[in-house]
Amino acid sequence: MYKAAVIGRPGTVEAFRALGAEVFAATNPAEVEELLTSFTADYAIVLISEDLAPAKEVLVGLNSKQVLPAISLLPVEVSAERALEKLRFSLEKAVGADILGLGGE
């Protein structure tokens, strides 16, 4: 079974553990890039806090080398409802099902 990972600032992403994701703390884009290069195809999706995302060129380069994991950004300042909808969409796209059970189009 594939895994999901969430990377963000300490204290901001721990709630994702309740959804079954592995949570990794980072404080700058270089740390995120280091974590991303260590992930294997065991991860279906990696969600990164938008404020810590490496440059687009780095993300595109990582995605072009392998199919998995899919990488998506978590908006930092949006309503909780909108963020949850984006998360549901990203997870559904990665695993092919609404594993959060929130419904949607």
PDB file of N, CA and C in Angstrom:
ATOM      1  N   MET A   1       0.849  -1.185   0.000  1.00  0.00           N
ATOM      2  CA  MET A   1       0.000   0.000   0.000  1.00  0.00           C
ATOM      3  C   MET A   1       0.888   1.238   0.000  1.00  0.00           C
ATOM      4  N   TYR A   2       0.491   2.193  -0.803  1.00  0.00           N
ATOM      5  CA  TYR A   2       1.247   3.434  -0.886  1.00  0.00           C
ATOM      6  C   TYR A   2       1.070   4.271   0.377  1.00  0.00           C
ATOM      7  N   LYS A   3       2.060   5.141   0.600  1.00  0.00           N
ATOM      8  CA  LYS A   3       2.027   6.024   1.754  1.00  0.00           C
ATOM      9  C   LYS A   3       1.843   7.466   1.280  1.00  0.00           C
ATOM     10  N   ALA A   4       1.396   8.305   2.203  1.00  0.00           N
ATOM     11  CA  ALA A   4       1.285   9.742   1.961  1.00  0.00           C
ATOM     12  C   ALA A   4       2.204  10.447   2.945  1.00  0.00           C
ATOM     13  N   ALA A   5       2.850  11.511   2.489  1.00  0.00           N
ATOM     14  CA  ALA A   5       3.732  12.290   3.352  1.00  0.00           C
ATOM     15  C   ALA A   5       3.313  13.749   3.306  1.00  0.00           C
ATOM     16  N   VAL A   6       3.500  14.420   4.426  1.00  0.00           N
ATOM     17  CA  VAL A   6       3.226  15.854   4.510  1.00  0.00           C
ATOM     18  C   VAL A   6       4.465  16.515   5.100  1.00  0.00           C
ATOM     19  N   ILE A   7       4.932  17.565   4.440  1.00  0.00           N
ATOM     20  CA  ILE A   7       6.108  18.301   4.902  1.00  0.00           C
ATOM     21  C   ILE A   7       5.685  19.726   5.210  1.00  0.00           C
ATOM     22  N   GLY A   8       6.029  20.190   6.415  1.00  0.00           N
ATOM     23  CA  GLY A   8       5.682  21.553   6.795  1.00  0.00           C
ATOM     24  C   GLY A   8       6.437  21.999   8.025  1.00  0.00           C
ATOM     25  N   ARG A   9       6.151  23.198   8.440  1.00  0.00           N
ATOM     26  CA  ARG A   9       6.810  23.746   9.632  1.00  0.00           C
ATOM     27  C   ARG A   9       6.384  22.956  10.866  1.00  0.00           C
ATOM     28  N   PRO A  10       7.307  22.821  11.819  1.00  0.00           N
ATOM     29  CA  PRO A  10       6.957  22.113  13.058  1.00  0.00           C
ATOM     30  C   PRO A  10       5.721  22.744  13.699  1.00  0.00           C
ATOM     31  N   GLY A  11       4.793  21.907  14.114  1.00  0.00           N
ATOM     32  CA  GLY A  11       3.585  22.375  14.772  1.00  0.00           C
ATOM     33  C   GLY A  11       2.436  22.713  13.843  1.00  0.00           C
ATOM     34  N   THR A  12       2.669  22.674  12.535  1.00  0.00           N
ATOM     35  CA  THR A  12       1.594  23.050  11.616  1.00  0.00           C
ATOM     36  C   THR A  12       1.013  21.892  10.816  1.00  0.00           C
ATOM     37  N   VAL A  13       1.691  20.770  10.761  1.00  0.00           N
ATOM     38  CA  VAL A  13       1.220  19.669   9.913  1.00  0.00           C
ATOM     39  C   VAL A  13       0.927  18.379  10.678  1.00  0.00           C
ATOM     40  N   GLU A  14       1.077  18.409  11.989  1.00  0.00           N
ATOM     41  CA  GLU A  14       0.892  17.194  12.777  1.00  0.00           C
ATOM     42  C   GLU A  14      -0.512  16.602  12.670  1.00  0.00           C
ATOM     43  N   ALA A  15      -1.506  17.435  12.412  1.00  0.00           N
ATOM     44  CA  ALA A  15      -2.885  16.941  12.308  1.00  0.00           C
ATOM     45  C   ALA A  15      -3.045  15.932  11.170  1.00  0.00           C
ATOM     46  N   PHE A  16      -2.166  15.977  10.196  1.00  0.00           N
ATOM     47  CA  PHE A  16      -2.253  15.038   9.076  1.00  0.00           C
ATOM     48  C   PHE A  16      -1.951  13.600   9.494  1.00  0.00           C
ATOM     49  N   ARG A  17      -1.325  13.433  10.645  1.00  0.00           N
ATOM     50  CA  ARG A  17      -1.096  12.069  11.157  1.00  0.00           C
ATOM     51  C   ARG A  17      -2.430  11.348  11.358  1.00  0.00           C
ATOM     52  N   ALA A  18      -3.451  12.084  11.776  1.00  0.00           N
ATOM     53  CA  ALA A  18      -4.770  11.489  12.010  1.00  0.00           C
ATOM     54  C   ALA A  18      -5.369  10.932  10.719  1.00  0.00           C
ATOM     55  N   LEU A  19      -4.903  11.420   9.581  1.00  0.00           N
ATOM     56  CA  LEU A  19      -5.377  10.931   8.286  1.00  0.00           C
ATOM     57  C   LEU A  19      -4.496   9.805   7.753  1.00  0.00           C
ATOM     58  N   GLY A  20      -3.502   9.422   8.538  1.00  0.00           N
ATOM     59  CA  GLY A  20      -2.631   8.323   8.141  1.00  0.00           C
ATOM     60  C   GLY A  20      -1.379   8.739   7.394  1.00  0.00           C
ATOM     61  N   ALA A  21      -1.131  10.028   7.298  1.00  0.00           N
ATOM     62  CA  ALA A  21       0.061  10.500   6.591  1.00  0.00           C
ATOM     63  C   ALA A  21       1.273  10.475   7.515  1.00  0.00           C
ATOM     64  N   GLU A  22       2.431  10.292   6.918  1.00  0.00           N
ATOM     65  CA  GLU A  22       3.679  10.456   7.652  1.00  0.00           C
ATOM     66  C   GLU A  22       4.031  11.936   7.580  1.00  0.00           C
ATOM     67  N   VAL A  23       4.391  12.508   8.719  1.00  0.00           N
ATOM     68  CA  VAL A  23       4.629  13.945   8.806  1.00  0.00           C
ATOM     69  C   VAL A  23       6.118  14.208   9.006  1.00  0.00           C
ATOM     70  N   PHE A  24       6.639  15.168   8.245  1.00  0.00           N
ATOM     71  CA  PHE A  24       8.045  15.536   8.326  1.00  0.00           C
ATOM     72  C   PHE A  24       8.143  17.039   8.549  1.00  0.00           C
ATOM     73  N   ALA A  25       8.969  17.441   9.511  1.00  0.00           N
ATOM     74  CA  ALA A  25       9.149  18.861   9.813  1.00  0.00           C
ATOM     75  C   ALA A  25      10.313  19.417   8.999  1.00  0.00           C
ATOM     76  N   ALA A  26      10.140  20.636   8.521  1.00  0.00           N
ATOM     77  CA  ALA A  26      11.193  21.350   7.801  1.00  0.00           C
ATOM     78  C   ALA A  26      11.021  22.833   8.087  1.00  0.00           C
ATOM     79  N   THR A  27      12.110  23.573   7.965  1.00  0.00           N
ATOM     80  CA  THR A  27      12.034  25.009   8.232  1.00  0.00           C
ATOM     81  C   THR A  27      12.449  25.862   7.042  1.00  0.00           C
ATOM     82  N   ASN A  28      12.943  25.219   5.974  1.00  0.00           N
ATOM     83  CA  ASN A  28      13.332  25.980   4.786  1.00  0.00           C
ATOM     84  C   ASN A  28      13.268  25.088   3.547  1.00  0.00           C
ATOM     85  N   PRO A  29      13.256  25.699   2.359  1.00  0.00           N
ATOM     86  CA  PRO A  29      13.141  24.916   1.126  1.00  0.00           C
ATOM     87  C   PRO A  29      14.269  23.902   0.919  1.00  0.00           C
ATOM     88  N   ALA A  30      15.462  24.201   1.391  1.00  0.00           N
ATOM     89  CA  ALA A  30      16.577  23.258   1.228  1.00  0.00           C
ATOM     90  C   ALA A  30      16.307  21.959   1.987  1.00  0.00           C
ATOM     91  N   GLU A  31      15.745  22.062   3.182  1.00  0.00           N
ATOM     92  CA  GLU A  31      15.397  20.862   3.952  1.00  0.00           C
ATOM     93  C   GLU A  31      14.316  20.058   3.236  1.00  0.00           C
ATOM     94  N   VAL A  32      13.352  20.758   2.645  1.00  0.00           N
ATOM     95  CA  VAL A  32      12.285  20.079   1.904  1.00  0.00           C
ATOM     96  C   VAL A  32      12.876  19.339   0.709  1.00  0.00           C
ATOM     97  N   GLU A  33      13.764  19.993  -0.015  1.00  0.00           N
ATOM     98  CA  GLU A  33      14.391  19.361  -1.182  1.00  0.00           C
ATOM     99  C   GLU A  33      15.158  18.103  -0.768  1.00  0.00           C
ATOM    100  N   GLU A  34      15.861  18.179   0.341  1.00  0.00           N
ATOM    101  CA  GLU A  34      16.598  17.011   0.845  1.00  0.00           C
ATOM    102  C   GLU A  34      15.645  15.861   1.177  1.00  0.00           C
ATOM    103  N   LEU A  35      14.531  16.186   1.830  1.00  0.00           N
ATOM    104  CA  LEU A  35      13.538  15.154   2.140  1.00  0.00           C
ATOM    105  C   LEU A  35      12.967  14.542   0.864  1.00  0.00           C
ATOM    106  N   LEU A  36      12.633  15.386  -0.104  1.00  0.00           N
ATOM    107  CA  LEU A  36      12.034  14.900  -1.349  1.00  0.00           C
ATOM    108  C   LEU A  36      12.956  13.929  -2.077  1.00  0.00           C
ATOM    109  N   THR A  37      14.240  14.211  -2.087  1.00  0.00           N
ATOM    110  CA  THR A  37      15.164  13.321  -2.789  1.00  0.00           C
ATOM    111  C   THR A  37      15.326  11.990  -2.070  1.00  0.00           C
ATOM    112  N   SER A  38      14.954  11.944  -0.792  1.00  0.00           N
ATOM    113  CA  SER A  38      15.082  10.686  -0.046  1.00  0.00           C
ATOM    114  C   SER A  38      13.840   9.803  -0.163  1.00  0.00           C
ATOM    115  N   PHE A  39      12.727  10.358  -0.640  1.00  0.00           N
ATOM    116  CA  PHE A  39      11.499   9.571  -0.747  1.00  0.00           C
ATOM    117  C   PHE A  39      11.592   8.579  -1.897  1.00  0.00           C
ATOM    118  N   THR A  40      10.949   7.446  -1.709  1.00  0.00           N
ATOM    119  CA  THR A  40      10.929   6.403  -2.731  1.00  0.00           C
ATOM    120  C   THR A  40       9.541   6.331  -3.351  1.00  0.00           C
ATOM    121  N   ALA A  41       9.376   5.408  -4.263  1.00  0.00           N
ATOM    122  CA  ALA A  41       8.080   5.212  -4.921  1.00  0.00           C
ATOM    123  C   ALA A  41       7.063   4.582  -3.980  1.00  0.00           C
ATOM    124  N   ASP A  42       7.437   4.329  -2.727  1.00  0.00           N
ATOM    125  CA  ASP A  42       6.471   3.845  -1.737  1.00  0.00           C
ATOM    126  C   ASP A  42       5.446   4.929  -1.408  1.00  0.00           C
ATOM    127  N   TYR A  43       5.797   6.174  -1.696  1.00  0.00           N
ATOM    128  CA  TYR A  43       4.904   7.297  -1.421  1.00  0.00           C
ATOM    129  C   TYR A  43       4.104   7.626  -2.676  1.00  0.00           C
ATOM    130  N   ALA A  44       2.784   7.645  -2.540  1.00  0.00           N
ATOM    131  CA  ALA A  44       1.928   8.006  -3.671  1.00  0.00           C
ATOM    132  C   ALA A  44       1.851   9.517  -3.812  1.00  0.00           C
ATOM    133  N   ILE A  45       1.854  10.213  -2.680  1.00  0.00           N
ATOM    134  CA  ILE A  45       1.709  11.667  -2.711  1.00  0.00           C
ATOM    135  C   ILE A  45       2.515  12.295  -1.590  1.00  0.00           C
ATOM    136  N   VAL A  46       3.071  13.453  -1.896  1.00  0.00           N
ATOM    137  CA  VAL A  46       3.772  14.261  -0.905  1.00  0.00           C
ATOM    138  C   VAL A  46       3.152  15.650  -0.959  1.00  0.00           C
ATOM    139  N   LEU A  47       2.645  16.094   0.160  1.00  0.00           N
ATOM    140  CA  LEU A  47       2.072  17.434   0.275  1.00  0.00           C
ATOM    141  C   LEU A  47       3.089  18.318   0.981  1.00  0.00           C
ATOM    142  N   ILE A  48       3.351  19.486   0.408  1.00  0.00           N
ATOM    143  CA  ILE A  48       4.352  20.395   0.955  1.00  0.00           C
ATOM    144  C   ILE A  48       3.689  21.715   1.292  1.00  0.00           C
ATOM    145  N   SER A  49       3.964  22.216   2.481  1.00  0.00           N
ATOM    146  CA  SER A  49       3.474  23.534   2.869  1.00  0.00           C
ATOM    147  C   SER A  49       4.006  24.554   1.860  1.00  0.00           C
ATOM    148  N   GLU A  50       3.098  25.318   1.295  1.00  0.00           N
ATOM    149  CA  GLU A  50       3.415  26.239   0.202  1.00  0.00           C
ATOM    150  C   GLU A  50       4.580  27.179   0.522  1.00  0.00           C
ATOM    151  N   ASP A  51       4.674  27.631   1.761  1.00  0.00           N
ATOM    152  CA  ASP A  51       5.720  28.582   2.128  1.00  0.00           C
ATOM    153  C   ASP A  51       7.102  27.949   2.202  1.00  0.00           C
ATOM    154  N   LEU A  52       7.183  26.624   2.161  1.00  0.00           N
ATOM    155  CA  LEU A  52       8.471  25.931   2.218  1.00  0.00           C
ATOM    156  C   LEU A  52       8.846  25.267   0.900  1.00  0.00           C
ATOM    157  N   ALA A  53       8.032  25.441  -0.111  1.00  0.00           N
ATOM    158  CA  ALA A  53       8.254  24.736  -1.376  1.00  0.00           C
ATOM    159  C   ALA A  53       9.550  25.185  -2.045  1.00  0.00           C
ATOM    160  N   PRO A  54      10.318  24.211  -2.532  1.00  0.00           N
ATOM    161  CA  PRO A  54      11.504  24.569  -3.320  1.00  0.00           C
ATOM    162  C   PRO A  54      11.077  25.259  -4.617  1.00  0.00           C
ATOM    163  N   ALA A  55      12.031  25.773  -5.348  1.00  0.00           N
ATOM    164  CA  ALA A  55      11.743  26.428  -6.625  1.00  0.00           C
ATOM    165  C   ALA A  55      11.018  25.473  -7.565  1.00  0.00           C
ATOM    166  N   LYS A  56      10.190  26.041  -8.438  1.00  0.00           N
ATOM    167  CA  LYS A  56       9.421  25.221  -9.383  1.00  0.00           C
ATOM    168  C   LYS A  56      10.328  24.318 -10.212  1.00  0.00           C
ATOM    169  N   GLU A  57      11.498  24.809 -10.577  1.00  0.00           N
ATOM    170  CA  GLU A  57      12.423  24.013 -11.383  1.00  0.00           C
ATOM    171  C   GLU A  57      12.846  22.749 -10.642  1.00  0.00           C
ATOM    172  N   VAL A  58      13.033  22.866  -9.344  1.00  0.00           N
ATOM    173  CA  VAL A  58      13.410  21.706  -8.528  1.00  0.00           C
ATOM    174  C   VAL A  58      12.272  20.699  -8.500  1.00  0.00           C
ATOM    175  N   LEU A  59      11.051  21.186  -8.276  1.00  0.00           N
ATOM    176  CA  LEU A  59       9.895  20.286  -8.224  1.00  0.00           C
ATOM    177  C   LEU A  59       9.669  19.590  -9.561  1.00  0.00           C
ATOM    178  N   VAL A  60       9.778  20.335 -10.644  1.00  0.00           N
ATOM    179  CA  VAL A  60       9.600  19.742 -11.972  1.00  0.00           C
ATOM    180  C   VAL A  60      10.697  18.717 -12.230  1.00  0.00           C
ATOM    181  N   GLY A  61      11.915  19.029 -11.847  1.00  0.00           N
ATOM    182  CA  GLY A  61      13.027  18.098 -12.032  1.00  0.00           C
ATOM    183  C   GLY A  61      12.817  16.801 -11.275  1.00  0.00           C
ATOM    184  N   LEU A  62      12.344  16.897 -10.046  1.00  0.00           N
ATOM    185  CA  LEU A  62      12.085  15.694  -9.250  1.00  0.00           C
ATOM    186  C   LEU A  62      10.958  14.877  -9.857  1.00  0.00           C
ATOM    187  N   ASN A  63       9.903  15.551 -10.304  1.00  0.00           N
ATOM    188  CA  ASN A  63       8.760  14.844 -10.889  1.00  0.00           C
ATOM    189  C   ASN A  63       9.102  14.211 -12.233  1.00  0.00           C
ATOM    190  N   SER A  64      10.060  14.765 -12.958  1.00  0.00           N
ATOM    191  CA  SER A  64      10.394  14.208 -14.271  1.00  0.00           C
ATOM    192  C   SER A  64      11.241  12.947 -14.160  1.00  0.00           C
ATOM    193  N   LYS A  65      11.865  12.730 -13.015  1.00  0.00           N
ATOM    194  CA  LYS A  65      12.726  11.562 -12.827  1.00  0.00           C
ATOM    195  C   LYS A  65      11.947  10.311 -12.448  1.00  0.00           C
ATOM    196  N   GLN A  66      10.776  10.478 -11.875  1.00  0.00           N
ATOM    197  CA  GLN A  66      10.001   9.324 -11.419  1.00  0.00           C
ATOM    198  C   GLN A  66       8.515   9.654 -11.434  1.00  0.00           C
ATOM    199  N   VAL A  67       7.698   8.619 -11.555  1.00  0.00           N
ATOM    200  CA  VAL A  67       6.246   8.804 -11.596  1.00  0.00           C
ATOM    201  C   VAL A  67       5.709   9.123 -10.210  1.00  0.00           C
ATOM    202  N   LEU A  68       6.174   8.403  -9.219  1.00  0.00           N
ATOM    203  CA  LEU A  68       5.730   8.625  -7.845  1.00  0.00           C
ATOM    204  C   LEU A  68       6.899   9.107  -7.012  1.00  0.00           C
ATOM    205  N   PRO A  69       6.659   9.936  -6.050  1.00  0.00           N
ATOM    206  CA  PRO A  69       5.362  10.403  -5.583  1.00  0.00           C
ATOM    207  C   PRO A  69       4.878  11.618  -6.365  1.00  0.00           C
ATOM    208  N   ALA A  70       3.556  11.789  -6.376  1.00  0.00           N
ATOM    209  CA  ALA A  70       2.968  13.022  -6.885  1.00  0.00           C
ATOM    210  C   ALA A  70       3.211  14.092  -5.827  1.00  0.00           C
ATOM    211  N   ILE A  71       3.566  15.277  -6.257  1.00  0.00           N
ATOM    212  CA  ILE A  71       3.877  16.359  -5.322  1.00  0.00           C
ATOM    213  C   ILE A  71       2.840  17.459  -5.485  1.00  0.00           C
ATOM    214  N   SER A  72       2.275  17.898  -4.361  1.00  0.00           N
ATOM    215  CA  SER A  72       1.280  18.959  -4.380  1.00  0.00           C
ATOM    216  C   SER A  72       1.574  19.924  -3.238  1.00  0.00           C
ATOM    217  N   LEU A  73       1.185  21.168  -3.425  1.00  0.00           N
ATOM    218  CA  LEU A  73       1.425  22.187  -2.402  1.00  0.00           C
ATOM    219  C   LEU A  73       0.187  22.403  -1.551  1.00  0.00           C
ATOM    220  N   LEU A  74       0.417  22.608  -0.267  1.00  0.00           N
ATOM    221  CA  LEU A  74      -0.654  22.945   0.672  1.00  0.00           C
ATOM    222  C   LEU A  74      -0.658  24.454   0.863  1.00  0.00           C
ATOM    223  N   PRO A  75      -1.732  25.133   0.496  1.00  0.00           N
ATOM    224  CA  PRO A  75      -1.798  26.579   0.705  1.00  0.00           C
ATOM    225  C   PRO A  75      -1.656  26.910   2.188  1.00  0.00           C
ATOM    226  N   VAL A  76      -0.969  27.989   2.457  1.00  0.00           N
ATOM    227  CA  VAL A  76      -0.731  28.363   3.846  1.00  0.00           C
ATOM    228  C   VAL A  76      -1.875  29.189   4.406  1.00  0.00           C
ATOM    229  N   GLU A  77      -2.357  30.145   3.633  1.00  0.00           N
ATOM    230  CA  GLU A  77      -3.396  31.027   4.148  1.00  0.00           C
ATOM    231  C   GLU A  77      -4.658  30.950   3.295  1.00  0.00           C
ATOM    232  N   VAL A  78      -5.486  29.962   3.584  1.00  0.00           N
ATOM    233  CA  VAL A  78      -6.795  29.829   2.953  1.00  0.00           C
ATOM    234  C   VAL A  78      -7.756  29.336   4.018  1.00  0.00           C
ATOM    235  N   SER A  79      -9.022  29.374   3.700  1.00  0.00           N
ATOM    236  CA  SER A  79      -9.997  28.870   4.658  1.00  0.00           C
ATOM    237  C   SER A  79      -9.787  27.372   4.838  1.00  0.00           C
ATOM    238  N   ALA A  80     -10.127  26.875   5.993  1.00  0.00           N
ATOM    239  CA  ALA A  80      -9.979  25.448   6.278  1.00  0.00           C
ATOM    240  C   ALA A  80     -10.800  24.614   5.303  1.00  0.00           C
ATOM    241  N   GLU A  81     -11.970  25.108   4.941  1.00  0.00           N
ATOM    242  CA  GLU A  81     -12.837  24.369   4.016  1.00  0.00           C
ATOM    243  C   GLU A  81     -12.184  24.237   2.642  1.00  0.00           C
ATOM    244  N   ARG A  82     -11.623  25.323   2.153  1.00  0.00           N
ATOM    245  CA  ARG A  82     -10.973  25.296   0.835  1.00  0.00           C
ATOM    246  C   ARG A  82      -9.728  24.407   0.866  1.00  0.00           C
ATOM    247  N   ALA A  83      -8.959  24.497   1.932  1.00  0.00           N
ATOM    248  CA  ALA A  83      -7.759  23.667   2.055  1.00  0.00           C
ATOM    249  C   ALA A  83      -8.119  22.190   2.086  1.00  0.00           C
ATOM    250  N   LEU A  84      -9.179  21.844   2.805  1.00  0.00           N
ATOM    251  CA  LEU A  84      -9.604  20.450   2.884  1.00  0.00           C
ATOM    252  C   LEU A  84     -10.085  19.952   1.528  1.00  0.00           C
ATOM    253  N   GLU A  85     -10.768  20.801   0.785  1.00  0.00           N
ATOM    254  CA  GLU A  85     -11.227  20.421  -0.553  1.00  0.00           C
ATOM    255  C   GLU A  85     -10.038  20.170  -1.482  1.00  0.00           C
ATOM    256  N   LYS A  86      -9.030  21.038  -1.419  1.00  0.00           N
ATOM    257  CA  LYS A  86      -7.836  20.845  -2.241  1.00  0.00           C
ATOM    258  C   LYS A  86      -7.115  19.561  -1.841  1.00  0.00           C
ATOM    259  N   LEU A  87      -7.042  19.304  -0.548  1.00  0.00           N
ATOM    260  CA  LEU A  87      -6.413  18.077  -0.066  1.00  0.00           C
ATOM    261  C   LEU A  87      -7.174  16.861  -0.563  1.00  0.00           C
ATOM    262  N   ARG A  88      -8.502  16.890  -0.466  1.00  0.00           N
ATOM    263  CA  ARG A  88      -9.325  15.777  -0.933  1.00  0.00           C
ATOM    264  C   ARG A  88      -9.068  15.520  -2.411  1.00  0.00           C
ATOM    265  N   PHE A  89      -9.026  16.594  -3.193  1.00  0.00           N
ATOM    266  CA  PHE A  89      -8.793  16.466  -4.627  1.00  0.00           C
ATOM    267  C   PHE A  89      -7.423  15.849  -4.906  1.00  0.00           C
ATOM    268  N   SER A  90      -6.390  16.340  -4.221  1.00  0.00           N
ATOM    269  CA  SER A  90      -5.036  15.823  -4.437  1.00  0.00           C
ATOM    270  C   SER A  90      -4.930  14.355  -4.062  1.00  0.00           C
ATOM    271  N   LEU A  91      -5.504  14.001  -2.923  1.00  0.00           N
ATOM    272  CA  LEU A  91      -5.452  12.608  -2.485  1.00  0.00           C
ATOM    273  C   LEU A  91      -6.241  11.708  -3.423  1.00  0.00           C
ATOM    274  N   GLU A  92      -7.400  12.176  -3.866  1.00  0.00           N
ATOM    275  CA  GLU A  92      -8.210  11.369  -4.779  1.00  0.00           C
ATOM    276  C   GLU A  92      -7.478  11.170  -6.105  1.00  0.00           C
ATOM    277  N   LYS A  93      -6.801  12.195  -6.557  1.00  0.00           N
ATOM    278  CA  LYS A  93      -6.038  12.089  -7.801  1.00  0.00           C
ATOM    279  C   LYS A  93      -4.881  11.103  -7.638  1.00  0.00           C
ATOM    280  N   ALA A  94      -4.259  11.110  -6.469  1.00  0.00           N
ATOM    281  CA  ALA A  94      -3.102  10.240  -6.240  1.00  0.00           C
ATOM    282  C   ALA A  94      -3.485   8.784  -6.037  1.00  0.00           C
ATOM    283  N   VAL A  95      -4.540   8.528  -5.280  1.00  0.00           N
ATOM    284  CA  VAL A  95      -4.875   7.138  -4.945  1.00  0.00           C
ATOM    285  C   VAL A  95      -6.107   6.619  -5.663  1.00  0.00           C
ATOM    286  N   GLY A  96      -6.831   7.495  -6.358  1.00  0.00           N
ATOM    287  CA  GLY A  96      -7.972   7.048  -7.150  1.00  0.00           C
ATOM    288  C   GLY A  96      -9.271   6.891  -6.397  1.00  0.00           C
ATOM    289  N   ALA A  97      -9.321   7.365  -5.162  1.00  0.00           N
ATOM    290  CA  ALA A  97     -10.556   7.260  -4.375  1.00  0.00           C
ATOM    291  C   ALA A  97     -10.590   8.378  -3.346  1.00  0.00           C
ATOM    292  N   ASP A  98     -11.788   8.729  -2.910  1.00  0.00           N
ATOM    293  CA  ASP A  98     -11.964   9.747  -1.871  1.00  0.00           C
ATOM    294  C   ASP A  98     -11.741   9.088  -0.519  1.00  0.00           C
ATOM    295  N   ILE A  99     -10.473   8.974  -0.113  1.00  0.00           N
ATOM    296  CA  ILE A  99     -10.166   8.271   1.133  1.00  0.00           C
ATOM    297  C   ILE A  99     -10.550   9.073   2.370  1.00  0.00           C
ATOM    298  N   LEU A 100     -10.847  10.349   2.198  1.00  0.00           N
ATOM    299  CA  LEU A 100     -11.300  11.160   3.329  1.00  0.00           C
ATOM    300  C   LEU A 100     -12.801  11.038   3.539  1.00  0.00           C
ATOM    301  N   GLY A 101     -13.504  10.502   2.539  1.00  0.00           N
ATOM    302  CA  GLY A 101     -14.949  10.321   2.657  1.00  0.00           C
ATOM    303  C   GLY A 101     -15.732  11.612   2.685  1.00  0.00           C
ATOM    304  N   LEU A 102     -15.242  12.633   1.979  1.00  0.00           N
ATOM    305  CA  LEU A 102     -15.903  13.938   2.002  1.00  0.00           C
ATOM    306  C   LEU A 102     -16.838  14.156   0.828  1.00  0.00           C
ATOM    307  N   GLY A 103     -16.852  13.233  -0.106  1.00  0.00           N
ATOM    308  CA  GLY A 103     -17.701  13.412  -1.280  1.00  0.00           C
ATOM    309  C   GLY A 103     -17.109  14.435  -2.210  1.00  0.00           C
ATOM    310  N   GLY A 104     -17.894  14.995  -3.040  1.00  0.00           N
ATOM    311  CA  GLY A 104     -17.415  15.984  -4.006  1.00  0.00           C
ATOM    312  C   GLY A 104     -17.838  15.580  -5.393  1.00  0.00           C
ATOM    313  N   GLU A 105     -17.450  16.419  -6.350  1.00  0.00           N
ATOM    314  CA  GLU A 105     -17.856  16.150  -7.730  1.00  0.00           C
ATOM    315  C   GLU A 105     -17.130  15.002  -8.321  1.00  0.00           C
TER     316      GLU A 105
END
